[in-house]
Amino acid sequence: MDRVVADARRLPLRDSSIDVVILWNVINFIRDKEVAINEVKRVSRREVAFSVYNAINAHWSYDYEAFMIDALRLGRPIIIRRVSNTQFQAIMRVNHDKD
């Protein structure tokens, strides 16, 4: 397994080159979250494991509805979990046919 450390807004990877992308408790610390979400979807071949938690120093605060809007931008839900009022998790099946 290879590990890539990169800016989530400019991933140095080919389209659909990663089976499963893990976007875990980081998106609300990225200023351009829409760009990062699009990049994650671009490089993912099958699924995205997506989680957010509302930290005090985050750029974005999520409620469940806002989380679902961003999760659905990534793809079709397989698993959605509401851990608490401040942490949400989902596994999304990416579908590039509808882009």
N, C-alpha and C. Protein backbone atom coordinates (compact mmCIF):
# COMPACT_ATOMS: atom_id res chain seq x y z
N MET A 1 0.85 -1.17 0.00
CA MET A 1 0.00 0.00 0.00
C MET A 1 0.90 1.23 0.00
N ASP A 2 0.61 2.16 -0.89
CA ASP A 2 1.34 3.41 -0.96
C ASP A 2 0.60 4.48 -0.19
N ARG A 3 1.35 5.37 0.41
CA ARG A 3 0.77 6.49 1.14
C ARG A 3 1.13 7.77 0.40
N VAL A 4 0.14 8.62 0.22
CA VAL A 4 0.36 9.90 -0.44
C VAL A 4 -0.02 11.00 0.53
N VAL A 5 0.90 11.93 0.74
CA VAL A 5 0.63 13.10 1.55
C VAL A 5 0.62 14.29 0.60
N ALA A 6 -0.52 14.98 0.53
CA ALA A 6 -0.65 16.06 -0.45
C ALA A 6 -1.75 17.02 0.00
N ASP A 7 -1.79 18.16 -0.63
CA ASP A 7 -2.86 19.12 -0.44
C ASP A 7 -4.15 18.53 -1.01
N ALA A 8 -5.18 18.44 -0.22
CA ALA A 8 -6.44 17.82 -0.65
C ALA A 8 -7.10 18.57 -1.80
N ARG A 9 -6.69 19.79 -2.03
CA ARG A 9 -7.27 20.58 -3.12
C ARG A 9 -6.55 20.36 -4.45
N ARG A 10 -5.39 19.68 -4.41
CA ARG A 10 -4.61 19.40 -5.63
C ARG A 10 -3.92 18.05 -5.46
N LEU A 11 -4.68 16.99 -5.56
CA LEU A 11 -4.12 15.66 -5.36
C LEU A 11 -3.31 15.22 -6.58
N PRO A 12 -2.07 14.76 -6.36
CA PRO A 12 -1.20 14.36 -7.48
C PRO A 12 -1.50 12.93 -7.94
N LEU A 13 -2.76 12.68 -8.28
CA LEU A 13 -3.21 11.33 -8.64
C LEU A 13 -4.06 11.39 -9.90
N ARG A 14 -4.06 10.30 -10.65
CA ARG A 14 -4.90 10.21 -11.85
C ARG A 14 -6.38 10.07 -11.47
N ASP A 15 -7.26 10.41 -12.38
CA ASP A 15 -8.69 10.22 -12.19
C ASP A 15 -8.98 8.75 -11.90
N SER A 16 -9.87 8.49 -10.97
CA SER A 16 -10.33 7.13 -10.62
C SER A 16 -9.16 6.17 -10.36
N SER A 17 -8.14 6.64 -9.67
CA SER A 17 -6.96 5.81 -9.45
C SER A 17 -6.89 5.19 -8.05
N ILE A 18 -7.79 5.57 -7.15
CA ILE A 18 -7.77 5.07 -5.78
C ILE A 18 -9.07 4.31 -5.51
N ASP A 19 -8.96 3.08 -4.99
CA ASP A 19 -10.16 2.29 -4.71
C ASP A 19 -11.02 2.95 -3.63
N VAL A 20 -10.41 3.27 -2.50
CA VAL A 20 -11.14 3.87 -1.39
C VAL A 20 -10.35 5.06 -0.87
N VAL A 21 -10.98 6.22 -0.86
CA VAL A 21 -10.37 7.42 -0.31
C VAL A 21 -10.92 7.63 1.09
N ILE A 22 -10.03 7.93 2.02
CA ILE A 22 -10.45 8.18 3.40
C ILE A 22 -10.32 9.67 3.68
N LEU A 23 -11.44 10.31 3.88
CA LEU A 23 -11.52 11.74 4.18
C LEU A 23 -12.09 11.84 5.60
N TRP A 24 -11.24 11.64 6.58
CA TRP A 24 -11.68 11.40 7.94
C TRP A 24 -11.32 12.57 8.85
N ASN A 25 -12.33 13.30 9.30
CA ASN A 25 -12.19 14.39 10.27
C ASN A 25 -11.19 15.45 9.82
N VAL A 26 -11.22 15.79 8.53
CA VAL A 26 -10.29 16.79 8.03
C VAL A 26 -10.99 17.88 7.20
N ILE A 27 -12.12 17.58 6.58
CA ILE A 27 -12.72 18.51 5.60
C ILE A 27 -13.07 19.86 6.22
N ASN A 28 -13.47 19.89 7.47
CA ASN A 28 -13.85 21.18 8.05
C ASN A 28 -12.63 22.01 8.48
N PHE A 29 -11.42 21.51 8.20
CA PHE A 29 -10.20 22.30 8.43
C PHE A 29 -9.62 22.83 7.12
N ILE A 30 -10.27 22.54 5.99
CA ILE A 30 -9.81 22.98 4.67
C ILE A 30 -10.66 24.17 4.24
N ARG A 31 -10.02 25.27 3.94
CA ARG A 31 -10.76 26.49 3.58
C ARG A 31 -11.61 26.30 2.32
N ASP A 32 -11.09 25.66 1.30
CA ASP A 32 -11.81 25.44 0.04
C ASP A 32 -12.38 24.03 0.02
N LYS A 33 -13.35 23.77 0.88
CA LYS A 33 -13.85 22.40 1.01
C LYS A 33 -14.50 21.89 -0.26
N GLU A 34 -15.14 22.75 -1.05
CA GLU A 34 -15.78 22.31 -2.29
C GLU A 34 -14.74 21.77 -3.26
N VAL A 35 -13.60 22.45 -3.35
CA VAL A 35 -12.51 22.01 -4.23
C VAL A 35 -11.98 20.66 -3.74
N ALA A 36 -11.78 20.52 -2.45
CA ALA A 36 -11.28 19.27 -1.88
C ALA A 36 -12.26 18.12 -2.12
N ILE A 37 -13.53 18.36 -1.93
CA ILE A 37 -14.55 17.32 -2.17
C ILE A 37 -14.52 16.88 -3.63
N ASN A 38 -14.41 17.84 -4.54
CA ASN A 38 -14.35 17.50 -5.97
C ASN A 38 -13.09 16.70 -6.30
N GLU A 39 -11.98 17.04 -5.68
CA GLU A 39 -10.72 16.30 -5.91
C GLU A 39 -10.83 14.88 -5.39
N VAL A 40 -11.38 14.71 -4.20
CA VAL A 40 -11.54 13.38 -3.62
C VAL A 40 -12.43 12.53 -4.52
N LYS A 41 -13.51 13.10 -5.00
CA LYS A 41 -14.40 12.36 -5.89
C LYS A 41 -13.68 12.02 -7.20
N ARG A 42 -12.89 12.93 -7.71
CA ARG A 42 -12.18 12.72 -8.97
C ARG A 42 -11.23 11.52 -8.89
N VAL A 43 -10.48 11.40 -7.80
CA VAL A 43 -9.47 10.34 -7.71
C VAL A 43 -10.03 9.01 -7.22
N SER A 44 -11.21 9.02 -6.61
CA SER A 44 -11.78 7.79 -6.07
C SER A 44 -12.39 6.94 -7.19
N ARG A 45 -12.08 5.66 -7.15
CA ARG A 45 -12.62 4.72 -8.13
C ARG A 45 -13.93 4.13 -7.63
N ARG A 46 -14.02 3.87 -6.31
CA ARG A 46 -15.20 3.16 -5.79
C ARG A 46 -15.89 3.86 -4.64
N GLU A 47 -15.15 4.13 -3.56
CA GLU A 47 -15.80 4.60 -2.35
C GLU A 47 -15.00 5.69 -1.66
N VAL A 48 -15.73 6.47 -0.85
CA VAL A 48 -15.11 7.48 0.02
C VAL A 48 -15.63 7.26 1.43
N ALA A 49 -14.71 7.10 2.37
CA ALA A 49 -15.06 7.07 3.79
C ALA A 49 -14.95 8.50 4.28
N PHE A 50 -16.06 9.07 4.71
CA PHE A 50 -16.16 10.50 4.99
C PHE A 50 -16.64 10.71 6.42
N SER A 51 -15.91 11.51 7.19
CA SER A 51 -16.30 11.81 8.56
C SER A 51 -15.98 13.25 8.88
N VAL A 52 -16.82 13.87 9.69
CA VAL A 52 -16.56 15.22 10.18
C VAL A 52 -16.85 15.27 11.68
N TYR A 53 -16.16 16.15 12.35
CA TYR A 53 -16.51 16.47 13.72
C TYR A 53 -16.34 17.98 13.88
N ASN A 54 -17.08 18.56 14.75
CA ASN A 54 -17.08 20.01 14.91
C ASN A 54 -16.09 20.42 15.99
N ALA A 55 -14.89 20.72 15.55
CA ALA A 55 -13.85 21.19 16.47
C ALA A 55 -13.93 22.71 16.58
N ILE A 56 -13.50 23.23 17.68
CA ILE A 56 -13.55 24.68 17.92
C ILE A 56 -12.73 25.45 16.89
N ASN A 57 -11.59 24.91 16.47
CA ASN A 57 -10.70 25.63 15.56
C ASN A 57 -10.94 25.29 14.09
N ALA A 58 -12.05 24.65 13.75
CA ALA A 58 -12.35 24.31 12.36
C ALA A 58 -12.84 25.54 11.59
N HIS A 59 -12.64 25.51 10.27
CA HIS A 59 -13.15 26.58 9.40
C HIS A 59 -14.66 26.45 9.19
N TRP A 60 -15.15 25.21 9.21
CA TRP A 60 -16.56 24.94 8.93
C TRP A 60 -17.17 24.19 10.10
N SER A 61 -18.39 24.53 10.43
CA SER A 61 -19.15 23.79 11.42
C SER A 61 -20.26 23.05 10.69
N TYR A 62 -20.47 21.81 11.05
CA TYR A 62 -21.46 20.98 10.38
C TYR A 62 -22.62 20.65 11.30
N ASP A 63 -23.83 20.76 10.75
CA ASP A 63 -24.97 20.09 11.35
C ASP A 63 -25.23 18.87 10.46
N TYR A 64 -26.18 18.05 10.83
CA TYR A 64 -26.40 16.81 10.08
C TYR A 64 -26.80 17.10 8.63
N GLU A 65 -27.63 18.10 8.43
CA GLU A 65 -28.08 18.44 7.08
C GLU A 65 -26.91 18.89 6.20
N ALA A 66 -26.03 19.73 6.71
CA ALA A 66 -24.87 20.19 5.95
C ALA A 66 -23.94 19.02 5.64
N PHE A 67 -23.77 18.12 6.60
CA PHE A 67 -22.96 16.93 6.36
C PHE A 67 -23.54 16.10 5.22
N MET A 68 -24.85 15.88 5.23
CA MET A 68 -25.48 15.07 4.19
C MET A 68 -25.35 15.73 2.82
N ILE A 69 -25.44 17.04 2.75
CA ILE A 69 -25.27 17.73 1.47
C ILE A 69 -23.88 17.44 0.90
N ASP A 70 -22.85 17.57 1.72
CA ASP A 70 -21.49 17.30 1.25
C ASP A 70 -21.28 15.81 0.98
N ALA A 71 -21.82 14.95 1.81
CA ALA A 71 -21.68 13.51 1.59
C ALA A 71 -22.32 13.11 0.26
N LEU A 72 -23.50 13.62 -0.03
CA LEU A 72 -24.18 13.27 -1.27
C LEU A 72 -23.46 13.82 -2.50
N ARG A 73 -22.66 14.86 -2.33
CA ARG A 73 -21.83 15.34 -3.44
C ARG A 73 -20.77 14.31 -3.80
N LEU A 74 -20.38 13.48 -2.83
CA LEU A 74 -19.38 12.45 -3.07
C LEU A 74 -19.96 11.21 -3.75
N GLY A 75 -21.21 10.91 -3.52
CA GLY A 75 -21.79 9.72 -4.14
C GLY A 75 -23.04 9.22 -3.45
N ARG A 76 -23.31 7.93 -3.64
CA ARG A 76 -24.51 7.29 -3.11
C ARG A 76 -24.19 6.65 -1.76
N PRO A 77 -25.01 6.88 -0.75
CA PRO A 77 -24.73 6.36 0.60
C PRO A 77 -24.76 4.83 0.67
N ILE A 78 -23.77 4.28 1.34
CA ILE A 78 -23.77 2.86 1.71
C ILE A 78 -24.07 2.76 3.20
N ILE A 79 -23.36 3.55 3.99
CA ILE A 79 -23.56 3.60 5.44
C ILE A 79 -23.52 5.06 5.87
N ILE A 80 -24.47 5.46 6.70
CA ILE A 80 -24.46 6.80 7.28
C ILE A 80 -24.63 6.63 8.79
N ARG A 81 -23.79 7.31 9.54
CA ARG A 81 -23.83 7.16 11.00
C ARG A 81 -23.75 8.53 11.65
N ARG A 82 -24.67 8.80 12.51
CA ARG A 82 -24.65 10.01 13.31
C ARG A 82 -24.12 9.62 14.69
N VAL A 83 -22.85 9.94 14.95
CA VAL A 83 -22.21 9.54 16.20
C VAL A 83 -22.74 10.37 17.36
N SER A 84 -22.91 11.67 17.10
CA SER A 84 -23.43 12.60 18.11
C SER A 84 -23.96 13.81 17.35
N ASN A 85 -24.29 14.87 18.05
CA ASN A 85 -24.73 16.10 17.38
C ASN A 85 -23.57 16.84 16.72
N THR A 86 -22.35 16.39 16.97
CA THR A 86 -21.18 17.08 16.42
C THR A 86 -20.26 16.20 15.58
N GLN A 87 -20.59 14.91 15.44
CA GLN A 87 -19.76 14.04 14.61
C GLN A 87 -20.64 13.12 13.77
N PHE A 88 -20.31 13.07 12.46
CA PHE A 88 -21.08 12.29 11.50
C PHE A 88 -20.11 11.51 10.61
N GLN A 89 -20.54 10.32 10.17
CA GLN A 89 -19.69 9.47 9.34
C GLN A 89 -20.52 8.84 8.24
N ALA A 90 -19.87 8.60 7.10
CA ALA A 90 -20.56 7.95 5.98
C ALA A 90 -19.56 7.24 5.10
N ILE A 91 -20.01 6.18 4.47
CA ILE A 91 -19.29 5.53 3.38
C ILE A 91 -20.14 5.78 2.14
N MET A 92 -19.54 6.37 1.14
CA MET A 92 -20.27 6.75 -0.07
C MET A 92 -19.72 5.99 -1.27
N ARG A 93 -20.60 5.44 -2.10
CA ARG A 93 -20.21 4.80 -3.36
C ARG A 93 -20.14 5.89 -4.42
N VAL A 94 -18.98 6.08 -5.01
CA VAL A 94 -18.77 7.13 -6.01
C VAL A 94 -19.31 6.63 -7.35
N ASN A 95 -20.07 7.49 -8.02
CA ASN A 95 -20.59 7.19 -9.34
C ASN A 95 -20.16 8.28 -10.30
N HIS A 96 -19.23 7.96 -11.18
CA HIS A 96 -18.72 8.96 -12.11
C HIS A 96 -19.59 9.09 -13.35
N ASP A 97 -20.53 8.16 -13.56
CA ASP A 97 -21.38 8.20 -14.75
C ASP A 97 -22.32 9.40 -14.77
N LYS A 98 -22.64 9.94 -13.60
CA LYS A 98 -23.61 11.03 -13.51
C LYS A 98 -22.96 12.40 -13.41
N ASP A 99 -21.64 12.47 -13.57
CA ASP A 99 -20.95 13.78 -13.46
C ASP A 99 -21.32 14.69 -14.60
